[in-house]
Amino acid sequence: MAIYTLPELPYDYAALEPVISPEIIELHHDKHHAAYVKGANDTLEQLAEARDKDAWGSINGLEKNLAFHLSGHILHSIYWHNMTGDGGGEPLEKDGTGELADAIAESFGSFAKFKAQLTKAAATTQGSGWGVLAYEPVSGRLVVEQIYDHQGNVGQGSTPVLVFDAWEHAFYLQYKNQKVDFIEAMWRVVNWQDVARRYVAAKQAGNTLILAP
């Protein structure tokens, strides 16, 4: 039985126009995200078979595949909800996202400085990757991370709250090779209410890491 399932989109394919075309949303969700879900489930089956047969010759590849597909599934599941056709702007107290706004100002100096850092992190990923705003529980601050593929170059305890997909399949049909134009456009559809909820939830979870006995 499958462990992971493809979540439904919280809007229709055309909801993010003109920033992201319906064709991209359909392909991205129904094909690419679905492939990560299938890949994670298939890898779990292969690991179960390896345990049953005590056959570990491919363990390194299987563990890497699980990390790749599972992280792809998780990041995409956040990505869809991080966007809305009524989004954009910045988090503000009057919109009920003041706690997030304060955290961004404290962690980065200002919203403008945060926006510049996340934009650069996402737009300059080498090859495939993501730009991510994450809650880092050891310091209790927000950090920007540049993820290669789906799972590399991140703090082990950090929780993603805002993700920008910088893989070519997220934008190429519409923006061609102009990744920076896509990242700039993404700011027009950010769902700050969703980001704020994720930030509050991550903060309330606290520092669950055991750093010393």
N, C-alpha and C. Protein backbone atom coordinates (compact mmCIF):
# COMPACT_ATOMS: atom_id res chain seq x y z
N MET A 1 0.85 -1.20 0.00
CA MET A 1 0.00 0.00 0.00
C MET A 1 0.88 1.25 0.00
N ALA A 2 0.50 2.23 -0.82
CA ALA A 2 1.27 3.45 -0.91
C ALA A 2 1.25 4.21 0.42
N ILE A 3 2.40 4.70 0.82
CA ILE A 3 2.53 5.49 2.04
C ILE A 3 2.25 6.96 1.76
N TYR A 4 2.75 7.45 0.65
CA TYR A 4 2.61 8.86 0.28
C TYR A 4 1.61 9.01 -0.85
N THR A 5 0.84 10.08 -0.82
CA THR A 5 -0.16 10.34 -1.86
C THR A 5 -0.01 11.77 -2.37
N LEU A 6 -0.39 11.96 -3.61
CA LEU A 6 -0.32 13.29 -4.23
C LEU A 6 -1.45 14.15 -3.69
N PRO A 7 -1.16 15.28 -3.07
CA PRO A 7 -2.22 16.15 -2.56
C PRO A 7 -2.93 16.89 -3.69
N GLU A 8 -4.19 17.19 -3.49
CA GLU A 8 -4.91 17.98 -4.48
C GLU A 8 -4.45 19.43 -4.42
N LEU A 9 -4.51 20.11 -5.56
CA LEU A 9 -4.20 21.54 -5.58
C LEU A 9 -5.27 22.30 -4.81
N PRO A 10 -4.89 23.37 -4.11
CA PRO A 10 -5.88 24.17 -3.38
C PRO A 10 -6.60 25.18 -4.27
N TYR A 11 -6.39 25.11 -5.58
CA TYR A 11 -6.99 26.03 -6.54
C TYR A 11 -6.99 25.36 -7.91
N ASP A 12 -7.62 25.97 -8.90
CA ASP A 12 -7.62 25.37 -10.23
C ASP A 12 -6.34 25.76 -10.98
N TYR A 13 -6.14 25.13 -12.12
CA TYR A 13 -4.89 25.33 -12.86
C TYR A 13 -4.66 26.79 -13.27
N ALA A 14 -5.73 27.54 -13.46
CA ALA A 14 -5.59 28.92 -13.96
C ALA A 14 -5.51 29.95 -12.84
N ALA A 15 -5.50 29.51 -11.59
CA ALA A 15 -5.63 30.44 -10.46
C ALA A 15 -4.46 31.40 -10.31
N LEU A 16 -3.28 31.03 -10.82
CA LEU A 16 -2.09 31.86 -10.61
C LEU A 16 -1.68 32.65 -11.85
N GLU A 17 -2.55 32.68 -12.85
CA GLU A 17 -2.27 33.51 -14.02
C GLU A 17 -2.25 34.98 -13.62
N PRO A 18 -1.43 35.81 -14.29
CA PRO A 18 -0.50 35.49 -15.38
C PRO A 18 0.90 35.08 -14.89
N VAL A 19 1.10 35.01 -13.58
CA VAL A 19 2.43 34.68 -13.07
C VAL A 19 2.85 33.28 -13.49
N ILE A 20 1.94 32.31 -13.34
CA ILE A 20 2.23 30.94 -13.77
C ILE A 20 1.06 30.44 -14.61
N SER A 21 1.36 29.95 -15.78
CA SER A 21 0.32 29.53 -16.72
C SER A 21 -0.36 28.24 -16.26
N PRO A 22 -1.62 28.03 -16.69
CA PRO A 22 -2.31 26.78 -16.35
C PRO A 22 -1.56 25.54 -16.84
N GLU A 23 -0.94 25.63 -18.00
CA GLU A 23 -0.21 24.48 -18.54
C GLU A 23 0.93 24.07 -17.61
N ILE A 24 1.66 25.04 -17.07
CA ILE A 24 2.76 24.73 -16.17
C ILE A 24 2.24 24.11 -14.88
N ILE A 25 1.18 24.70 -14.31
CA ILE A 25 0.63 24.17 -13.07
C ILE A 25 0.19 22.72 -13.26
N GLU A 26 -0.49 22.44 -14.35
CA GLU A 26 -0.97 21.08 -14.60
C GLU A 26 0.18 20.09 -14.73
N LEU A 27 1.15 20.43 -15.55
CA LEU A 27 2.29 19.53 -15.75
C LEU A 27 3.10 19.38 -14.46
N HIS A 28 3.31 20.49 -13.79
CA HIS A 28 4.14 20.50 -12.59
C HIS A 28 3.52 19.63 -11.50
N HIS A 29 2.23 19.79 -11.27
CA HIS A 29 1.56 19.03 -10.22
C HIS A 29 1.27 17.59 -10.65
N ASP A 30 0.62 17.44 -11.79
CA ASP A 30 0.11 16.11 -12.19
C ASP A 30 1.20 15.17 -12.68
N LYS A 31 2.31 15.72 -13.17
CA LYS A 31 3.38 14.87 -13.70
C LYS A 31 4.61 14.87 -12.78
N HIS A 32 5.18 16.06 -12.54
CA HIS A 32 6.43 16.12 -11.79
C HIS A 32 6.23 15.77 -10.32
N HIS A 33 5.29 16.44 -9.65
CA HIS A 33 5.05 16.12 -8.24
C HIS A 33 4.60 14.67 -8.09
N ALA A 34 3.73 14.22 -8.98
CA ALA A 34 3.28 12.83 -8.92
C ALA A 34 4.45 11.85 -9.05
N ALA A 35 5.45 12.20 -9.84
CA ALA A 35 6.62 11.33 -10.01
C ALA A 35 7.42 11.21 -8.72
N TYR A 36 7.49 12.30 -7.94
CA TYR A 36 8.21 12.24 -6.66
C TYR A 36 7.45 11.36 -5.66
N VAL A 37 6.14 11.45 -5.68
CA VAL A 37 5.33 10.60 -4.80
C VAL A 37 5.55 9.12 -5.16
N LYS A 38 5.46 8.82 -6.44
CA LYS A 38 5.67 7.44 -6.88
C LYS A 38 7.09 6.98 -6.55
N GLY A 39 8.06 7.86 -6.76
CA GLY A 39 9.45 7.50 -6.48
C GLY A 39 9.68 7.18 -5.02
N ALA A 40 9.07 7.95 -4.13
CA ALA A 40 9.22 7.69 -2.69
C ALA A 40 8.59 6.35 -2.32
N ASN A 41 7.38 6.10 -2.83
CA ASN A 41 6.72 4.83 -2.53
C ASN A 41 7.47 3.63 -3.11
N ASP A 42 7.96 3.77 -4.34
CA ASP A 42 8.71 2.68 -4.96
C ASP A 42 9.99 2.38 -4.16
N THR A 43 10.66 3.44 -3.70
CA THR A 43 11.90 3.25 -2.95
C THR A 43 11.64 2.56 -1.62
N LEU A 44 10.53 2.91 -0.96
CA LEU A 44 10.18 2.23 0.28
C LEU A 44 9.97 0.74 0.05
N GLU A 45 9.34 0.38 -1.07
CA GLU A 45 9.14 -1.03 -1.39
C GLU A 45 10.48 -1.72 -1.64
N GLN A 46 11.37 -1.05 -2.31
CA GLN A 46 12.68 -1.63 -2.60
C GLN A 46 13.51 -1.81 -1.33
N LEU A 47 13.37 -0.87 -0.39
CA LEU A 47 14.06 -1.00 0.88
C LEU A 47 13.49 -2.16 1.70
N ALA A 48 12.17 -2.33 1.64
CA ALA A 48 11.55 -3.46 2.34
C ALA A 48 12.05 -4.78 1.77
N GLU A 49 12.19 -4.83 0.46
CA GLU A 49 12.69 -6.05 -0.19
C GLU A 49 14.13 -6.32 0.21
N ALA A 50 14.92 -5.24 0.30
CA ALA A 50 16.32 -5.40 0.71
C ALA A 50 16.41 -5.94 2.13
N ARG A 51 15.53 -5.47 3.01
CA ARG A 51 15.52 -5.97 4.39
C ARG A 51 15.13 -7.45 4.44
N ASP A 52 14.11 -7.79 3.66
CA ASP A 52 13.63 -9.17 3.65
C ASP A 52 14.70 -10.14 3.15
N LYS A 53 15.47 -9.69 2.16
CA LYS A 53 16.47 -10.56 1.55
C LYS A 53 17.86 -10.37 2.14
N ASP A 54 17.97 -9.42 3.08
CA ASP A 54 19.28 -9.07 3.64
C ASP A 54 20.28 -8.80 2.52
N ALA A 55 19.79 -8.06 1.51
CA ALA A 55 20.60 -7.74 0.33
C ALA A 55 20.83 -6.23 0.30
N TRP A 56 22.05 -5.82 0.65
CA TRP A 56 22.32 -4.39 0.86
C TRP A 56 23.27 -3.80 -0.18
N GLY A 57 23.43 -4.44 -1.30
CA GLY A 57 24.37 -3.94 -2.30
C GLY A 57 23.98 -2.58 -2.87
N SER A 58 22.68 -2.26 -2.86
CA SER A 58 22.24 -0.99 -3.43
C SER A 58 21.77 0.01 -2.37
N ILE A 59 22.18 -0.19 -1.11
CA ILE A 59 21.67 0.64 -0.03
C ILE A 59 21.97 2.12 -0.21
N ASN A 60 23.16 2.46 -0.66
CA ASN A 60 23.51 3.87 -0.82
C ASN A 60 22.59 4.57 -1.82
N GLY A 61 22.36 3.90 -2.95
CA GLY A 61 21.48 4.48 -3.96
C GLY A 61 20.05 4.57 -3.50
N LEU A 62 19.58 3.58 -2.77
CA LEU A 62 18.20 3.60 -2.28
C LEU A 62 17.98 4.71 -1.26
N GLU A 63 18.93 4.88 -0.35
CA GLU A 63 18.79 5.94 0.65
C GLU A 63 18.79 7.32 -0.02
N LYS A 64 19.65 7.48 -1.03
CA LYS A 64 19.69 8.75 -1.75
C LYS A 64 18.39 8.98 -2.50
N ASN A 65 17.86 7.93 -3.12
CA ASN A 65 16.59 8.06 -3.85
C ASN A 65 15.45 8.43 -2.91
N LEU A 66 15.42 7.82 -1.72
CA LEU A 66 14.35 8.14 -0.78
C LEU A 66 14.43 9.59 -0.35
N ALA A 67 15.63 10.07 -0.04
CA ALA A 67 15.79 11.48 0.34
C ALA A 67 15.35 12.40 -0.78
N PHE A 68 15.74 12.07 -2.00
CA PHE A 68 15.42 12.91 -3.16
C PHE A 68 13.91 12.98 -3.39
N HIS A 69 13.26 11.84 -3.50
CA HIS A 69 11.84 11.82 -3.82
C HIS A 69 10.98 12.31 -2.66
N LEU A 70 11.32 11.93 -1.44
CA LEU A 70 10.52 12.36 -0.30
C LEU A 70 10.64 13.86 -0.08
N SER A 71 11.84 14.40 -0.19
CA SER A 71 12.01 15.84 -0.06
C SER A 71 11.31 16.59 -1.18
N GLY A 72 11.35 16.04 -2.40
CA GLY A 72 10.62 16.65 -3.50
C GLY A 72 9.13 16.69 -3.22
N HIS A 73 8.59 15.62 -2.67
CA HIS A 73 7.18 15.56 -2.33
C HIS A 73 6.84 16.59 -1.25
N ILE A 74 7.64 16.68 -0.21
CA ILE A 74 7.37 17.61 0.89
C ILE A 74 7.46 19.05 0.43
N LEU A 75 8.51 19.40 -0.30
CA LEU A 75 8.69 20.78 -0.75
C LEU A 75 7.56 21.21 -1.70
N HIS A 76 7.17 20.32 -2.60
CA HIS A 76 6.07 20.67 -3.50
C HIS A 76 4.75 20.81 -2.76
N SER A 77 4.54 19.99 -1.74
CA SER A 77 3.30 20.07 -0.96
C SER A 77 3.20 21.42 -0.26
N ILE A 78 4.34 21.97 0.18
CA ILE A 78 4.37 23.31 0.76
C ILE A 78 4.18 24.36 -0.33
N TYR A 79 4.86 24.16 -1.44
CA TYR A 79 4.88 25.12 -2.56
C TYR A 79 3.47 25.49 -3.02
N TRP A 80 2.61 24.50 -3.23
CA TRP A 80 1.26 24.80 -3.75
C TRP A 80 0.49 25.72 -2.79
N HIS A 81 0.63 25.50 -1.50
CA HIS A 81 -0.12 26.30 -0.53
C HIS A 81 0.54 27.64 -0.24
N ASN A 82 1.81 27.76 -0.58
CA ASN A 82 2.52 29.03 -0.41
C ASN A 82 2.07 30.08 -1.43
N MET A 83 1.24 29.68 -2.41
CA MET A 83 0.84 30.59 -3.48
C MET A 83 -0.67 30.77 -3.50
N THR A 84 -1.09 31.93 -3.94
CA THR A 84 -2.51 32.23 -4.13
C THR A 84 -2.64 33.34 -5.17
N GLY A 85 -3.74 33.31 -5.90
CA GLY A 85 -3.98 34.35 -6.90
C GLY A 85 -4.23 35.70 -6.27
N ASP A 86 -4.55 35.73 -4.98
CA ASP A 86 -4.79 37.00 -4.27
C ASP A 86 -3.60 37.39 -3.41
N GLY A 87 -2.43 36.84 -3.71
CA GLY A 87 -1.26 37.05 -2.85
C GLY A 87 -0.42 38.26 -3.25
N GLY A 88 0.82 38.21 -2.79
CA GLY A 88 1.76 39.28 -3.09
C GLY A 88 1.91 40.27 -1.96
N GLY A 89 2.64 41.33 -2.24
CA GLY A 89 2.88 42.35 -1.23
C GLY A 89 3.86 41.83 -0.18
N GLU A 90 3.57 42.13 1.08
CA GLU A 90 4.40 41.67 2.17
C GLU A 90 3.55 41.45 3.41
N PRO A 91 4.01 40.67 4.37
CA PRO A 91 3.22 40.43 5.57
C PRO A 91 3.07 41.72 6.39
N LEU A 92 1.85 41.97 6.85
CA LEU A 92 1.56 43.21 7.59
C LEU A 92 0.69 42.89 8.80
N GLU A 93 0.80 43.72 9.83
CA GLU A 93 0.00 43.54 11.03
C GLU A 93 -1.48 43.57 10.73
N LYS A 94 -1.91 44.48 9.86
CA LYS A 94 -3.33 44.64 9.57
C LYS A 94 -3.92 43.43 8.84
N ASP A 95 -3.06 42.61 8.24
CA ASP A 95 -3.52 41.41 7.54
C ASP A 95 -3.43 40.16 8.42
N GLY A 96 -3.07 40.35 9.68
CA GLY A 96 -2.96 39.22 10.58
C GLY A 96 -1.66 38.46 10.48
N THR A 97 -0.67 39.04 9.82
CA THR A 97 0.62 38.36 9.66
C THR A 97 1.75 39.17 10.29
N GLY A 98 1.41 39.92 11.33
CA GLY A 98 2.39 40.79 11.97
C GLY A 98 3.51 40.04 12.66
N GLU A 99 3.22 38.87 13.23
CA GLU A 99 4.27 38.11 13.91
C GLU A 99 5.34 37.67 12.92
N LEU A 100 4.91 37.25 11.73
CA LEU A 100 5.87 36.89 10.69
C LEU A 100 6.66 38.11 10.24
N ALA A 101 5.97 39.23 10.06
CA ALA A 101 6.64 40.46 9.64
C ALA A 101 7.72 40.86 10.64
N ASP A 102 7.41 40.77 11.92
CA ASP A 102 8.38 41.12 12.97
C ASP A 102 9.58 40.18 12.93
N ALA A 103 9.31 38.89 12.71
CA ALA A 103 10.40 37.90 12.67
C ALA A 103 11.31 38.15 11.48
N ILE A 104 10.74 38.50 10.35
CA ILE A 104 11.55 38.80 9.16
C ILE A 104 12.42 40.02 9.41
N ALA A 105 11.85 41.06 10.00
CA ALA A 105 12.63 42.27 10.29
C ALA A 105 13.76 41.98 11.27
N GLU A 106 13.47 41.16 12.29
CA GLU A 106 14.49 40.83 13.28
C GLU A 106 15.61 39.99 12.69
N SER A 107 15.24 39.05 11.82
CA SER A 107 16.22 38.11 11.27
C SER A 107 17.03 38.67 10.12
N PHE A 108 16.44 39.59 9.35
CA PHE A 108 17.11 40.07 8.14
C PHE A 108 17.33 41.59 8.10
N GLY A 109 16.78 42.31 9.05
CA GLY A 109 16.94 43.76 9.07
C GLY A 109 15.76 44.50 8.52
N SER A 110 15.15 43.95 7.47
CA SER A 110 13.95 44.54 6.86
C SER A 110 13.37 43.55 5.87
N PHE A 111 12.12 43.79 5.47
CA PHE A 111 11.52 42.92 4.46
C PHE A 111 12.28 43.04 3.14
N ALA A 112 12.69 44.25 2.77
CA ALA A 112 13.40 44.46 1.51
C ALA A 112 14.70 43.66 1.47
N LYS A 113 15.42 43.63 2.59
CA LYS A 113 16.67 42.87 2.63
C LYS A 113 16.41 41.37 2.55
N PHE A 114 15.36 40.91 3.23
CA PHE A 114 14.98 39.50 3.14
C PHE A 114 14.60 39.14 1.71
N LYS A 115 13.78 39.97 1.08
CA LYS A 115 13.33 39.70 -0.28
C LYS A 115 14.51 39.61 -1.23
N ALA A 116 15.48 40.50 -1.07
CA ALA A 116 16.66 40.48 -1.93
C ALA A 116 17.45 39.19 -1.74
N GLN A 117 17.60 38.74 -0.48
CA GLN A 117 18.38 37.54 -0.21
C GLN A 117 17.71 36.30 -0.76
N LEU A 118 16.40 36.15 -0.52
CA LEU A 118 15.71 34.96 -1.01
C LEU A 118 15.65 34.96 -2.53
N THR A 119 15.47 36.11 -3.14
CA THR A 119 15.46 36.21 -4.60
C THR A 119 16.79 35.74 -5.17
N LYS A 120 17.88 36.23 -4.61
CA LYS A 120 19.21 35.84 -5.09
C LYS A 120 19.48 34.36 -4.85
N ALA A 121 19.07 33.86 -3.68
CA ALA A 121 19.31 32.45 -3.37
C ALA A 121 18.58 31.54 -4.35
N ALA A 122 17.33 31.88 -4.67
CA ALA A 122 16.55 31.07 -5.60
C ALA A 122 17.05 31.21 -7.03
N ALA A 123 17.35 32.42 -7.44
CA ALA A 123 17.70 32.68 -8.83
C ALA A 123 19.09 32.20 -9.20
N THR A 124 19.97 32.00 -8.22
CA THR A 124 21.35 31.61 -8.53
C THR A 124 21.64 30.16 -8.17
N THR A 125 20.60 29.35 -7.93
CA THR A 125 20.84 27.93 -7.71
C THR A 125 21.56 27.35 -8.92
N GLN A 126 22.57 26.55 -8.66
CA GLN A 126 23.32 25.93 -9.75
C GLN A 126 22.58 24.68 -10.20
N GLY A 127 22.06 24.72 -11.41
CA GLY A 127 21.26 23.60 -11.89
C GLY A 127 19.87 23.65 -11.29
N SER A 128 19.44 22.55 -10.67
CA SER A 128 18.10 22.46 -10.11
C SER A 128 18.12 22.70 -8.61
N GLY A 129 17.09 23.38 -8.11
CA GLY A 129 17.06 23.61 -6.68
C GLY A 129 15.92 24.51 -6.25
N TRP A 130 16.03 25.01 -5.02
CA TRP A 130 15.00 25.84 -4.40
C TRP A 130 15.63 26.97 -3.60
N GLY A 131 14.90 28.05 -3.46
CA GLY A 131 15.20 29.06 -2.47
C GLY A 131 14.17 28.91 -1.36
N VAL A 132 14.61 28.88 -0.11
CA VAL A 132 13.70 28.55 0.99
C VAL A 132 13.88 29.51 2.17
N LEU A 133 12.76 29.96 2.71
CA LEU A 133 12.75 30.63 4.01
C LEU A 133 12.39 29.58 5.03
N ALA A 134 13.22 29.41 6.05
CA ALA A 134 13.00 28.35 7.03
C ALA A 134 13.15 28.87 8.45
N TYR A 135 12.44 28.23 9.36
CA TYR A 135 12.60 28.53 10.79
C TYR A 135 13.69 27.62 11.34
N GLU A 136 14.70 28.23 11.94
CA GLU A 136 15.84 27.48 12.48
C GLU A 136 15.68 27.43 14.00
N PRO A 137 15.39 26.24 14.57
CA PRO A 137 14.96 26.17 15.97
C PRO A 137 16.06 26.38 17.01
N VAL A 138 17.31 26.19 16.66
CA VAL A 138 18.38 26.36 17.65
C VAL A 138 18.51 27.84 18.04
N SER A 139 18.47 28.72 17.03
CA SER A 139 18.57 30.16 17.29
C SER A 139 17.20 30.81 17.44
N GLY A 140 16.14 30.13 16.98
CA GLY A 140 14.81 30.72 17.02
C GLY A 140 14.64 31.82 15.98
N ARG A 141 15.45 31.80 14.93
CA ARG A 141 15.40 32.83 13.90
C ARG A 141 15.00 32.22 12.56
N LEU A 142 14.67 33.10 11.63
CA LEU A 142 14.42 32.70 10.26
C LEU A 142 15.73 32.76 9.48
N VAL A 143 15.91 31.81 8.57
CA VAL A 143 17.10 31.77 7.73
C VAL A 143 16.67 31.51 6.29
N VAL A 144 17.47 31.96 5.34
CA VAL A 144 17.28 31.62 3.93
C VAL A 144 18.23 30.50 3.58
N GLU A 145 17.72 29.48 2.93
CA GLU A 145 18.54 28.35 2.52
C GLU A 145 18.47 28.18 1.01
N GLN A 146 19.56 27.73 0.43
CA GLN A 146 19.63 27.45 -1.00
C GLN A 146 19.76 25.94 -1.15
N ILE A 147 18.69 25.31 -1.63
CA ILE A 147 18.66 23.86 -1.69
C ILE A 147 19.03 23.38 -3.09
N TYR A 148 19.97 22.46 -3.14
CA TYR A 148 20.32 21.84 -4.42
C TYR A 148 19.51 20.57 -4.60
N ASP A 149 18.96 20.39 -5.80
CA ASP A 149 17.99 19.32 -6.05
C ASP A 149 16.82 19.52 -5.08
N HIS A 150 16.63 18.59 -4.14
CA HIS A 150 15.55 18.74 -3.17
C HIS A 150 16.03 18.68 -1.73
N GLN A 151 17.23 18.15 -1.48
CA GLN A 151 17.53 17.80 -0.11
C GLN A 151 18.91 18.20 0.39
N GLY A 152 19.72 18.89 -0.40
CA GLY A 152 21.06 19.21 0.04
C GLY A 152 21.20 20.65 0.52
N ASN A 153 22.23 20.88 1.36
CA ASN A 153 22.63 22.23 1.76
C ASN A 153 21.60 22.91 2.67
N VAL A 154 21.05 22.16 3.62
CA VAL A 154 20.07 22.74 4.55
C VAL A 154 20.47 22.43 5.98
N GLY A 155 20.04 23.28 6.90
CA GLY A 155 20.23 23.00 8.31
C GLY A 155 19.36 21.83 8.72
N GLN A 156 19.90 20.90 9.47
CA GLN A 156 19.20 19.64 9.74
C GLN A 156 17.90 19.82 10.50
N GLY A 157 17.79 20.83 11.33
CA GLY A 157 16.57 20.99 12.12
C GLY A 157 15.62 22.05 11.60
N SER A 158 15.96 22.69 10.51
CA SER A 158 15.16 23.81 10.03
C SER A 158 13.85 23.35 9.39
N THR A 159 12.81 24.18 9.50
CA THR A 159 11.50 23.87 8.96
C THR A 159 11.16 24.86 7.85
N PRO A 160 10.95 24.41 6.62
CA PRO A 160 10.60 25.33 5.53
C PRO A 160 9.23 25.97 5.76
N VAL A 161 9.14 27.27 5.55
CA VAL A 161 7.85 27.96 5.66
C VAL A 161 7.46 28.65 4.35
N LEU A 162 8.45 28.99 3.52
CA LEU A 162 8.20 29.58 2.20
C LEU A 162 9.21 29.01 1.23
N VAL A 163 8.73 28.42 0.12
CA VAL A 163 9.64 27.79 -0.84
C VAL A 163 9.41 28.33 -2.24
N PHE A 164 10.49 28.63 -2.92
CA PHE A 164 10.46 29.05 -4.32
C PHE A 164 11.11 27.94 -5.15
N ASP A 165 10.33 27.33 -6.03
CA ASP A 165 10.85 26.25 -6.87
C ASP A 165 11.64 26.86 -8.02
N ALA A 166 12.93 26.52 -8.08
CA ALA A 166 13.79 27.06 -9.14
C ALA A 166 14.22 25.98 -10.13
N TRP A 167 13.53 24.84 -10.13
CA TRP A 167 13.76 23.84 -11.16
C TRP A 167 13.18 24.36 -12.48
N GLU A 168 13.80 23.98 -13.59
CA GLU A 168 13.33 24.47 -14.88
C GLU A 168 11.89 24.08 -15.17
N HIS A 169 11.45 22.91 -14.69
CA HIS A 169 10.07 22.50 -15.00
C HIS A 169 9.05 23.43 -14.36
N ALA A 170 9.46 24.26 -13.40
CA ALA A 170 8.54 25.19 -12.74
C ALA A 170 8.27 26.43 -13.58
N PHE A 171 9.13 26.69 -14.57
CA PHE A 171 8.98 27.97 -15.28
C PHE A 171 9.33 27.96 -16.75
N TYR A 172 10.03 26.94 -17.27
CA TYR A 172 10.65 27.05 -18.59
C TYR A 172 9.65 27.26 -19.71
N LEU A 173 8.49 26.62 -19.67
CA LEU A 173 7.51 26.77 -20.75
C LEU A 173 7.05 28.21 -20.91
N GLN A 174 7.12 28.98 -19.84
CA GLN A 174 6.63 30.35 -19.86
C GLN A 174 7.75 31.39 -19.86
N TYR A 175 8.79 31.14 -19.08
CA TYR A 175 9.86 32.12 -18.90
C TYR A 175 11.15 31.75 -19.62
N LYS A 176 11.13 30.62 -20.32
CA LYS A 176 12.31 30.11 -21.02
C LYS A 176 13.48 30.00 -20.04
N ASN A 177 14.65 30.56 -20.37
CA ASN A 177 15.80 30.42 -19.49
C ASN A 177 15.97 31.60 -18.54
N GLN A 178 14.95 32.42 -18.41
CA GLN A 178 15.03 33.61 -17.56
C GLN A 178 14.52 33.29 -16.15
N LYS A 179 15.31 32.52 -15.42
CA LYS A 179 14.90 32.09 -14.08
C LYS A 179 14.69 33.28 -13.16
N VAL A 180 15.52 34.29 -13.28
CA VAL A 180 15.39 35.45 -12.39
C VAL A 180 14.06 36.16 -12.60
N ASP A 181 13.57 36.19 -13.84
CA ASP A 181 12.26 36.83 -14.10
C ASP A 181 11.14 36.05 -13.42
N PHE A 182 11.25 34.74 -13.44
CA PHE A 182 10.25 33.91 -12.77
C PHE A 182 10.27 34.14 -11.26
N ILE A 183 11.44 34.18 -10.68
CA ILE A 183 11.54 34.38 -9.23
C ILE A 183 10.99 35.75 -8.84
N GLU A 184 11.29 36.77 -9.63
CA GLU A 184 10.74 38.10 -9.35
C GLU A 184 9.21 38.08 -9.43
N ALA A 185 8.67 37.36 -10.40
CA ALA A 185 7.22 37.28 -10.55
C ALA A 185 6.57 36.52 -9.41
N MET A 186 7.28 35.57 -8.84
CA MET A 186 6.73 34.75 -7.77
C MET A 186 6.26 35.57 -6.58
N TRP A 187 6.90 36.70 -6.33
CA TRP A 187 6.53 37.53 -5.19
C TRP A 187 5.11 38.05 -5.31
N ARG A 188 4.55 38.03 -6.51
CA ARG A 188 3.18 38.53 -6.71
C ARG A 188 2.12 37.53 -6.31
N VAL A 189 2.51 36.28 -6.03
CA VAL A 189 1.52 35.26 -5.66
C VAL A 189 1.80 34.62 -4.31
N VAL A 190 2.73 35.18 -3.53
CA VAL A 190 3.02 34.59 -2.22
C VAL A 190 1.80 34.71 -1.31
N ASN A 191 1.45 33.60 -0.69
CA ASN A 191 0.32 33.55 0.25
C ASN A 191 0.88 33.76 1.66
N TRP A 192 0.91 35.03 2.09
CA TRP A 192 1.54 35.34 3.37
C TRP A 192 0.77 34.77 4.55
N GLN A 193 -0.53 34.58 4.40
CA GLN A 193 -1.29 33.95 5.48
C GLN A 193 -0.82 32.51 5.70
N ASP A 194 -0.57 31.80 4.62
CA ASP A 194 -0.07 30.43 4.74
C ASP A 194 1.33 30.42 5.34
N VAL A 195 2.20 31.31 4.87
CA VAL A 195 3.57 31.38 5.40
C VAL A 195 3.55 31.70 6.88
N ALA A 196 2.68 32.64 7.28
CA ALA A 196 2.59 33.03 8.69
C ALA A 196 2.13 31.87 9.55
N ARG A 197 1.16 31.10 9.07
CA ARG A 197 0.69 29.93 9.84
C ARG A 197 1.81 28.91 10.01
N ARG A 198 2.57 28.71 8.97
CA ARG A 198 3.67 27.75 9.05
C ARG A 198 4.75 28.24 10.02
N TYR A 199 5.01 29.53 10.01
CA TYR A 199 6.01 30.09 10.92
C TYR A 199 5.57 29.91 12.37
N VAL A 200 4.33 30.26 12.66
CA VAL A 200 3.82 30.14 14.04
C VAL A 200 3.86 28.68 14.50
N ALA A 201 3.46 27.75 13.62
CA ALA A 201 3.47 26.33 13.97
C ALA A 201 4.89 25.85 14.24
N ALA A 202 5.84 26.26 13.42
CA ALA A 202 7.23 25.84 13.61
C ALA A 202 7.79 26.42 14.90
N LYS A 203 7.45 27.66 15.18
CA LYS A 203 7.93 28.31 16.40
C LYS A 203 7.34 27.64 17.64
N GLN A 204 6.06 27.30 17.59
CA GLN A 204 5.41 26.67 18.73
C GLN A 204 5.96 25.27 19.00
N ALA A 205 6.43 24.61 17.94
CA ALA A 205 7.01 23.28 18.13
C ALA A 205 8.29 23.36 18.95
N GLY A 206 8.94 24.53 18.91
CA GLY A 206 10.12 24.75 19.74
C GLY A 206 11.34 24.00 19.24
N ASN A 207 12.36 24.01 20.07
CA ASN A 207 13.61 23.34 19.73
C ASN A 207 13.55 21.91 20.23
N THR A 208 13.21 21.00 19.33
CA THR A 208 13.10 19.59 19.69
C THR A 208 14.41 18.83 19.48
N LEU A 209 15.45 19.55 19.04
CA LEU A 209 16.74 18.92 18.84
C LEU A 209 17.46 18.75 20.18
N ILE A 210 18.04 17.60 20.39
CA ILE A 210 18.85 17.37 21.58
C ILE A 210 20.31 17.60 21.18
N LEU A 211 20.84 18.77 21.53
CA LEU A 211 22.18 19.13 21.10
C LEU A 211 23.26 18.64 22.06
N ALA A 212 22.87 18.33 23.30
CA ALA A 212 23.85 17.85 24.27
C ALA A 212 23.10 17.00 25.31
N PRO A 213 23.77 16.04 25.93
CA PRO A 213 23.11 15.21 26.92
C PRO A 213 22.78 16.00 28.20
